[in-house]
Amino acid sequence: MASEDNDDKTVHIVLVNEEEQYSLWPKDNAIPNGWKQVKEGTRAECLQYVKEVWTDMRPLSLRKHMEQHAQKTQSESTS
């Protein structure tokens, strides 16, 4: 319970990387290379933000690959 109380007082940030993967960090922590801050707030606010925007857990590169494969397959089946 004490850690939950502490989380309400700790300012958090939401980070996102090039693969559009999200991470929640205490604001006092240094932002690691390859990540950028997109939101600041309470832990609950940050978690709600991530829940709203991170609707597809697949990395961006995988989503792009799967999209290209689907387009290629579709064009081959219509030829």
PDB file of N, CA and C in Angstrom:
ATOM      1  N   MET A   1       0.822  -1.196   0.000  1.00  0.00           N
ATOM      2  CA  MET A   1       0.000   0.000   0.000  1.00  0.00           C
ATOM      3  C   MET A   1       0.860   1.251   0.000  1.00  0.00           C
ATOM      4  N   ALA A   2       1.981   1.200   0.716  1.00  0.00           N
ATOM      5  CA  ALA A   2       2.849   2.379   0.791  1.00  0.00           C
ATOM      6  C   ALA A   2       3.379   2.758  -0.580  1.00  0.00           C
ATOM      7  N   SER A   3       3.725   1.762  -1.414  1.00  0.00           N
ATOM      8  CA  SER A   3       4.237   2.088  -2.749  1.00  0.00           C
ATOM      9  C   SER A   3       3.145   2.703  -3.622  1.00  0.00           C
ATOM     10  N   GLU A   4       1.887   2.277  -3.441  1.00  0.00           N
ATOM     11  CA  GLU A   4       0.786   2.875  -4.197  1.00  0.00           C
ATOM     12  C   GLU A   4       0.598   4.333  -3.805  1.00  0.00           C
ATOM     13  N   ASP A   5       0.707   4.631  -2.505  1.00  0.00           N
ATOM     14  CA  ASP A   5       0.594   6.006  -2.042  1.00  0.00           C
ATOM     15  C   ASP A   5       1.714   6.851  -2.620  1.00  0.00           C
ATOM     16  N   ASN A   6       2.924   6.293  -2.668  1.00  0.00           N
ATOM     17  CA  ASN A   6       4.078   6.997  -3.214  1.00  0.00           C
ATOM     18  C   ASN A   6       3.893   7.265  -4.704  1.00  0.00           C
ATOM     19  N   ASP A   7       3.293   6.318  -5.436  1.00  0.00           N
ATOM     20  CA  ASP A   7       3.071   6.495  -6.869  1.00  0.00           C
ATOM     21  C   ASP A   7       2.148   7.679  -7.142  1.00  0.00           C
ATOM     22  N   ASP A   8       1.207   7.934  -6.254  1.00  0.00           N
ATOM     23  CA  ASP A   8       0.292   9.063  -6.445  1.00  0.00           C
ATOM     24  C   ASP A   8       1.017  10.391  -6.332  1.00  0.00           C
ATOM     25  N   LYS A   9       2.133  10.420  -5.605  1.00  0.00           N
ATOM     26  CA  LYS A   9       2.873  11.667  -5.416  1.00  0.00           C
ATOM     27  C   LYS A   9       4.042  11.807  -6.396  1.00  0.00           C
ATOM     28  N   THR A  10       4.459  10.699  -6.980  1.00  0.00           N
ATOM     29  CA  THR A  10       5.588  10.721  -7.909  1.00  0.00           C
ATOM     30  C   THR A  10       5.113  11.150  -9.291  1.00  0.00           C
ATOM     31  N   VAL A  11       5.786  12.130  -9.864  1.00  0.00           N
ATOM     32  CA  VAL A  11       5.473  12.536 -11.233  1.00  0.00           C
ATOM     33  C   VAL A  11       6.111  11.525 -12.172  1.00  0.00           C
ATOM     34  N   HIS A  12       5.323  11.056 -13.112  1.00  0.00           N
ATOM     35  CA  HIS A  12       5.792  10.074 -14.088  1.00  0.00           C
ATOM     36  C   HIS A  12       5.809  10.689 -15.485  1.00  0.00           C
ATOM     37  N   ILE A  13       6.546  10.042 -16.362  1.00  0.00           N
ATOM     38  CA  ILE A  13       6.559  10.431 -17.767  1.00  0.00           C
ATOM     39  C   ILE A  13       6.316   9.186 -18.612  1.00  0.00           C
ATOM     40  N   VAL A  14       5.717   9.408 -19.754  1.00  0.00           N
ATOM     41  CA  VAL A  14       5.539   8.334 -20.732  1.00  0.00           C
ATOM     42  C   VAL A  14       6.591   8.543 -21.801  1.00  0.00           C
ATOM     43  N   LEU A  15       7.305   7.485 -22.106  1.00  0.00           N
ATOM     44  CA  LEU A  15       8.335   7.520 -23.142  1.00  0.00           C
ATOM     45  C   LEU A  15       7.889   6.667 -24.315  1.00  0.00           C
ATOM     46  N   VAL A  16       8.366   7.034 -25.503  1.00  0.00           N
ATOM     47  CA  VAL A  16       8.100   6.234 -26.695  1.00  0.00           C
ATOM     48  C   VAL A  16       9.403   6.118 -27.482  1.00  0.00           C
ATOM     49  N   ASN A  17       9.610   4.955 -28.122  1.00  0.00           N
ATOM     50  CA  ASN A  17      10.812   4.766 -28.924  1.00  0.00           C
ATOM     51  C   ASN A  17      10.463   4.744 -30.410  1.00  0.00           C
ATOM     52  N   GLU A  18      11.463   4.531 -31.246  1.00  0.00           N
ATOM     53  CA  GLU A  18      11.264   4.546 -32.702  1.00  0.00           C
ATOM     54  C   GLU A  18      10.337   3.438 -33.185  1.00  0.00           C
ATOM     55  N   GLU A  19      10.186   2.390 -32.400  1.00  0.00           N
ATOM     56  CA  GLU A  19       9.305   1.277 -32.750  1.00  0.00           C
ATOM     57  C   GLU A  19       7.882   1.499 -32.230  1.00  0.00           C
ATOM     58  N   GLU A  20       7.626   2.707 -31.710  1.00  0.00           N
ATOM     59  CA  GLU A  20       6.324   3.096 -31.152  1.00  0.00           C
ATOM     60  C   GLU A  20       5.915   2.179 -30.006  1.00  0.00           C
ATOM     61  N   GLN A  21       6.898   1.848 -29.170  1.00  0.00           N
ATOM     62  CA  GLN A  21       6.661   1.110 -27.937  1.00  0.00           C
ATOM     63  C   GLN A  21       6.723   2.116 -26.797  1.00  0.00           C
ATOM     64  N   TYR A  22       5.885   1.927 -25.799  1.00  0.00           N
ATOM     65  CA  TYR A  22       5.750   2.903 -24.718  1.00  0.00           C
ATOM     66  C   TYR A  22       6.310   2.359 -23.421  1.00  0.00           C
ATOM     67  N   SER A  23       6.765   3.274 -22.565  1.00  0.00           N
ATOM     68  CA  SER A  23       7.292   2.919 -21.260  1.00  0.00           C
ATOM     69  C   SER A  23       6.950   4.029 -20.270  1.00  0.00           C
ATOM     70  N   LEU A  24       6.706   3.660 -19.035  1.00  0.00           N
ATOM     71  CA  LEU A  24       6.369   4.599 -17.972  1.00  0.00           C
ATOM     72  C   LEU A  24       7.546   4.683 -17.010  1.00  0.00           C
ATOM     73  N   TRP A  25       8.017   5.902 -16.753  1.00  0.00           N
ATOM     74  CA  TRP A  25       9.181   6.114 -15.889  1.00  0.00           C
ATOM     75  C   TRP A  25       8.899   7.215 -14.882  1.00  0.00           C
ATOM     76  N   PRO A  26       9.505   7.131 -13.692  1.00  0.00           N
ATOM     77  CA  PRO A  26       9.473   8.292 -12.793  1.00  0.00           C
ATOM     78  C   PRO A  26      10.214   9.446 -13.463  1.00  0.00           C
ATOM     79  N   LYS A  27       9.701  10.656 -13.306  1.00  0.00           N
ATOM     80  CA  LYS A  27      10.278  11.810 -13.993  1.00  0.00           C
ATOM     81  C   LYS A  27      11.738  12.035 -13.608  1.00  0.00           C
ATOM     82  N   ASP A  28      12.114  11.673 -12.396  1.00  0.00           N
ATOM     83  CA  ASP A  28      13.484  11.912 -11.928  1.00  0.00           C
ATOM     84  C   ASP A  28      14.519  11.026 -12.619  1.00  0.00           C
ATOM     85  N   ASN A  29      14.069   9.953 -13.254  1.00  0.00           N
ATOM     86  CA  ASN A  29      15.013   9.068 -13.958  1.00  0.00           C
ATOM     87  C   ASN A  29      15.440   9.703 -15.283  1.00  0.00           C
ATOM     88  N   ALA A  30      16.674   9.462 -15.660  1.00  0.00           N
ATOM     89  CA  ALA A  30      17.172   9.959 -16.944  1.00  0.00           C
ATOM     90  C   ALA A  30      16.474   9.209 -18.080  1.00  0.00           C
ATOM     91  N   ILE A  31      16.180   9.929 -19.137  1.00  0.00           N
ATOM     92  CA  ILE A  31      15.556   9.310 -20.311  1.00  0.00           C
ATOM     93  C   ILE A  31      16.642   8.573 -21.094  1.00  0.00           C
ATOM     94  N   PRO A  32      16.454   7.271 -21.327  1.00  0.00           N
ATOM     95  CA  PRO A  32      17.484   6.503 -22.046  1.00  0.00           C
ATOM     96  C   PRO A  32      17.566   6.897 -23.517  1.00  0.00           C
ATOM     97  N   ASN A  33      18.716   6.646 -24.106  1.00  0.00           N
ATOM     98  CA  ASN A  33      18.900   6.905 -25.534  1.00  0.00           C
ATOM     99  C   ASN A  33      17.857   6.141 -26.341  1.00  0.00           C
ATOM    100  N   GLY A  34      17.357   6.784 -27.380  1.00  0.00           N
ATOM    101  CA  GLY A  34      16.393   6.146 -28.255  1.00  0.00           C
ATOM    102  C   GLY A  34      14.952   6.329 -27.817  1.00  0.00           C
ATOM    103  N   TRP A  35      14.728   7.001 -26.728  1.00  0.00           N
ATOM    104  CA  TRP A  35      13.381   7.240 -26.209  1.00  0.00           C
ATOM    105  C   TRP A  35      13.131   8.736 -26.122  1.00  0.00           C
ATOM    106  N   LYS A  36      11.858   9.139 -26.249  1.00  0.00           N
ATOM    107  CA  LYS A  36      11.514  10.549 -26.064  1.00  0.00           C
ATOM    108  C   LYS A  36      10.252  10.644 -25.209  1.00  0.00           C
ATOM    109  N   GLN A  37      10.157  11.733 -24.483  1.00  0.00           N
ATOM    110  CA  GLN A  37       9.018  11.963 -23.606  1.00  0.00           C
ATOM    111  C   GLN A  37       7.819  12.453 -24.408  1.00  0.00           C
ATOM    112  N   VAL A  38       6.644  11.869 -24.132  1.00  0.00           N
ATOM    113  CA  VAL A  38       5.421  12.300 -24.821  1.00  0.00           C
ATOM    114  C   VAL A  38       4.313  12.717 -23.861  1.00  0.00           C
ATOM    115  N   LYS A  39       4.483  12.473 -22.560  1.00  0.00           N
ATOM    116  CA  LYS A  39       3.439  12.801 -21.589  1.00  0.00           C
ATOM    117  C   LYS A  39       4.052  12.881 -20.206  1.00  0.00           C
ATOM    118  N   GLU A  40       3.496  13.748 -19.373  1.00  0.00           N
ATOM    119  CA  GLU A  40       3.901  13.855 -17.978  1.00  0.00           C
ATOM    120  C   GLU A  40       2.641  13.936 -17.137  1.00  0.00           C
ATOM    121  N   GLY A  41       2.660  13.293 -15.980  1.00  0.00           N
ATOM    122  CA  GLY A  41       1.508  13.360 -15.088  1.00  0.00           C
ATOM    123  C   GLY A  41       1.634  12.366 -13.958  1.00  0.00           C
ATOM    124  N   THR A  42       0.509  12.106 -13.299  1.00  0.00           N
ATOM    125  CA  THR A  42       0.504  11.090 -12.262  1.00  0.00           C
ATOM    126  C   THR A  42       0.650   9.728 -12.920  1.00  0.00           C
ATOM    127  N   ARG A  43       0.926   8.734 -12.125  1.00  0.00           N
ATOM    128  CA  ARG A  43       1.053   7.382 -12.667  1.00  0.00           C
ATOM    129  C   ARG A  43      -0.258   6.970 -13.344  1.00  0.00           C
ATOM    130  N   ALA A  44      -1.370   7.263 -12.694  1.00  0.00           N
ATOM    131  CA  ALA A  44      -2.673   6.889 -13.253  1.00  0.00           C
ATOM    132  C   ALA A  44      -2.936   7.607 -14.576  1.00  0.00           C
ATOM    133  N   GLU A  45      -2.600   8.897 -14.657  1.00  0.00           N
ATOM    134  CA  GLU A  45      -2.793   9.649 -15.907  1.00  0.00           C
ATOM    135  C   GLU A  45      -1.926   9.083 -17.022  1.00  0.00           C
ATOM    136  N   CYS A  46      -0.699   8.758 -16.696  1.00  0.00           N
ATOM    137  CA  CYS A  46       0.218   8.208 -17.700  1.00  0.00           C
ATOM    138  C   CYS A  46      -0.236   6.835 -18.169  1.00  0.00           C
ATOM    139  N   LEU A  47      -0.688   6.000 -17.235  1.00  0.00           N
ATOM    140  CA  LEU A  47      -1.180   4.677 -17.621  1.00  0.00           C
ATOM    141  C   LEU A  47      -2.412   4.794 -18.510  1.00  0.00           C
ATOM    142  N   GLN A  48      -3.289   5.741 -18.203  1.00  0.00           N
ATOM    143  CA  GLN A  48      -4.484   5.933 -19.026  1.00  0.00           C
ATOM    144  C   GLN A  48      -4.094   6.379 -20.433  1.00  0.00           C
ATOM    145  N   TYR A  49      -3.111   7.278 -20.524  1.00  0.00           N
ATOM    146  CA  TYR A  49      -2.631   7.739 -21.828  1.00  0.00           C
ATOM    147  C   TYR A  49      -2.100   6.566 -22.658  1.00  0.00           C
ATOM    148  N   VAL A  50      -1.255   5.733 -22.034  1.00  0.00           N
ATOM    149  CA  VAL A  50      -0.685   4.580 -22.742  1.00  0.00           C
ATOM    150  C   VAL A  50      -1.800   3.640 -23.186  1.00  0.00           C
ATOM    151  N   LYS A  51      -2.775   3.430 -22.333  1.00  0.00           N
ATOM    152  CA  LYS A  51      -3.895   2.551 -22.676  1.00  0.00           C
ATOM    153  C   LYS A  51      -4.650   3.068 -23.904  1.00  0.00           C
ATOM    154  N   GLU A  52      -4.768   4.389 -24.013  1.00  0.00           N
ATOM    155  CA  GLU A  52      -5.503   4.994 -25.131  1.00  0.00           C
ATOM    156  C   GLU A  52      -4.711   4.985 -26.440  1.00  0.00           C
ATOM    157  N   VAL A  53      -3.403   5.217 -26.374  1.00  0.00           N
ATOM    158  CA  VAL A  53      -2.628   5.382 -27.609  1.00  0.00           C
ATOM    159  C   VAL A  53      -1.916   4.117 -28.079  1.00  0.00           C
ATOM    160  N   TRP A  54      -1.600   3.204 -27.180  1.00  0.00           N
ATOM    161  CA  TRP A  54      -0.849   2.004 -27.567  1.00  0.00           C
ATOM    162  C   TRP A  54      -1.830   0.866 -27.783  1.00  0.00           C
ATOM    163  N   THR A  55      -2.498   0.923 -28.917  1.00  0.00           N
ATOM    164  CA  THR A  55      -3.556  -0.044 -29.205  1.00  0.00           C
ATOM    165  C   THR A  55      -3.051  -1.269 -29.967  1.00  0.00           C
ATOM    166  N   ASP A  56      -1.852  -1.190 -30.500  1.00  0.00           N
ATOM    167  CA  ASP A  56      -1.258  -2.314 -31.226  1.00  0.00           C
ATOM    168  C   ASP A  56       0.137  -2.543 -30.653  1.00  0.00           C
ATOM    169  N   MET A  57       0.299  -3.629 -29.942  1.00  0.00           N
ATOM    170  CA  MET A  57       1.552  -3.898 -29.233  1.00  0.00           C
ATOM    171  C   MET A  57       2.709  -4.306 -30.152  1.00  0.00           C
ATOM    172  N   ARG A  58       2.416  -4.593 -31.404  1.00  0.00           N
ATOM    173  CA  ARG A  58       3.488  -5.004 -32.308  1.00  0.00           C
ATOM    174  C   ARG A  58       4.421  -3.818 -32.584  1.00  0.00           C
ATOM    175  N   PRO A  59       5.731  -4.059 -32.636  1.00  0.00           N
ATOM    176  CA  PRO A  59       6.663  -2.989 -33.000  1.00  0.00           C
ATOM    177  C   PRO A  59       6.339  -2.443 -34.391  1.00  0.00           C
ATOM    178  N   LEU A  60       6.649  -1.189 -34.626  1.00  0.00           N
ATOM    179  CA  LEU A  60       6.364  -0.527 -35.897  1.00  0.00           C
ATOM    180  C   LEU A  60       6.962  -1.292 -37.077  1.00  0.00           C
ATOM    181  N   SER A  61       8.197  -1.763 -36.937  1.00  0.00           N
ATOM    182  CA  SER A  61       8.836  -2.478 -38.050  1.00  0.00           C
ATOM    183  C   SER A  61       8.061  -3.742 -38.409  1.00  0.00           C
ATOM    184  N   LEU A  62       7.533  -4.437 -37.437  1.00  0.00           N
ATOM    185  CA  LEU A  62       6.742  -5.637 -37.709  1.00  0.00           C
ATOM    186  C   LEU A  62       5.424  -5.273 -38.386  1.00  0.00           C
ATOM    187  N   ARG A  63       4.767  -4.225 -37.918  1.00  0.00           N
ATOM    188  CA  ARG A  63       3.512  -3.793 -38.548  1.00  0.00           C
ATOM    189  C   ARG A  63       3.738  -3.432 -40.008  1.00  0.00           C
ATOM    190  N   LYS A  64       4.830  -2.707 -40.293  1.00  0.00           N
ATOM    191  CA  LYS A  64       5.136  -2.331 -41.673  1.00  0.00           C
ATOM    192  C   LYS A  64       5.423  -3.561 -42.528  1.00  0.00           C
ATOM    193  N   HIS A  65       6.192  -4.493 -41.990  1.00  0.00           N
ATOM    194  CA  HIS A  65       6.521  -5.717 -42.719  1.00  0.00           C
ATOM    195  C   HIS A  65       5.249  -6.502 -43.040  1.00  0.00           C
ATOM    196  N   MET A  66       4.387  -6.639 -42.068  1.00  0.00           N
ATOM    197  CA  MET A  66       3.152  -7.395 -42.276  1.00  0.00           C
ATOM    198  C   MET A  66       2.247  -6.692 -43.296  1.00  0.00           C
ATOM    199  N   GLU A  67       2.230  -5.370 -43.273  1.00  0.00           N
ATOM    200  CA  GLU A  67       1.429  -4.607 -44.231  1.00  0.00           C
ATOM    201  C   GLU A  67       1.971  -4.798 -45.648  1.00  0.00           C
ATOM    202  N   GLN A  68       3.295  -4.747 -45.805  1.00  0.00           N
ATOM    203  CA  GLN A  68       3.905  -4.949 -47.123  1.00  0.00           C
ATOM    204  C   GLN A  68       3.636  -6.360 -47.633  1.00  0.00           C
ATOM    205  N   HIS A  69       3.729  -7.330 -46.743  1.00  0.00           N
ATOM    206  CA  HIS A  69       3.469  -8.717 -47.123  1.00  0.00           C
ATOM    207  C   HIS A  69       2.017  -8.887 -47.563  1.00  0.00           C
ATOM    208  N   ALA A  70       1.102  -8.271 -46.844  1.00  0.00           N
ATOM    209  CA  ALA A  70      -0.319  -8.370 -47.192  1.00  0.00           C
ATOM    210  C   ALA A  70      -0.589  -7.720 -48.548  1.00  0.00           C
ATOM    211  N   GLN A  71       0.052  -6.580 -48.804  1.00  0.00           N
ATOM    212  CA  GLN A  71      -0.128  -5.905 -50.101  1.00  0.00           C
ATOM    213  C   GLN A  71       0.439  -6.768 -51.237  1.00  0.00           C
ATOM    214  N   LYS A  72       1.606  -7.352 -50.995  1.00  0.00           N
ATOM    215  CA  LYS A  72       2.243  -8.197 -52.010  1.00  0.00           C
ATOM    216  C   LYS A  72       1.363  -9.415 -52.297  1.00  0.00           C
ATOM    217  N   THR A  73       0.867 -10.037 -51.259  1.00  0.00           N
ATOM    218  CA  THR A  73       0.000 -11.215 -51.410  1.00  0.00           C
ATOM    219  C   THR A  73      -1.278 -10.851 -52.154  1.00  0.00           C
ATOM    220  N   GLN A  74      -1.825  -9.705 -51.829  1.00  0.00           N
ATOM    221  CA  GLN A  74      -3.062  -9.262 -52.483  1.00  0.00           C
ATOM    222  C   GLN A  74      -2.832  -8.983 -53.960  1.00  0.00           C
ATOM    223  N   SER A  75      -1.717  -8.320 -54.295  1.00  0.00           N
ATOM    224  CA  SER A  75      -1.447  -8.018 -55.708  1.00  0.00           C
ATOM    225  C   SER A  75      -1.160  -9.302 -56.501  1.00  0.00           C
ATOM    226  N   GLU A  76      -0.530 -10.290 -55.877  1.00  0.00           N
ATOM    227  CA  GLU A  76      -0.268 -11.563 -56.555  1.00  0.00           C
ATOM    228  C   GLU A  76      -1.556 -12.334 -56.799  1.00  0.00           C
ATOM    229  N   SER A  77      -2.500 -12.225 -55.889  1.00  0.00           N
ATOM    230  CA  SER A  77      -3.753 -12.980 -56.047  1.00  0.00           C
ATOM    231  C   SER A  77      -4.691 -12.331 -57.047  1.00  0.00           C
ATOM    232  N   THR A  78      -4.490 -11.056 -57.332  1.00  0.00           N
ATOM    233  CA  THR A  78      -5.340 -10.372 -58.340  1.00  0.00           C
ATOM    234  C   THR A  78      -4.716 -10.405 -59.728  1.00  0.00           C
ATOM    235  N   SER A  79      -3.490 -10.897 -59.816  1.00  0.00           N
ATOM    236  CA  SER A  79      -2.805 -10.961 -61.136  1.00  0.00           C
ATOM    237  C   SER A  79      -3.190 -12.187 -61.913  1.00  0.00           C
TER     238      SER A  79
END
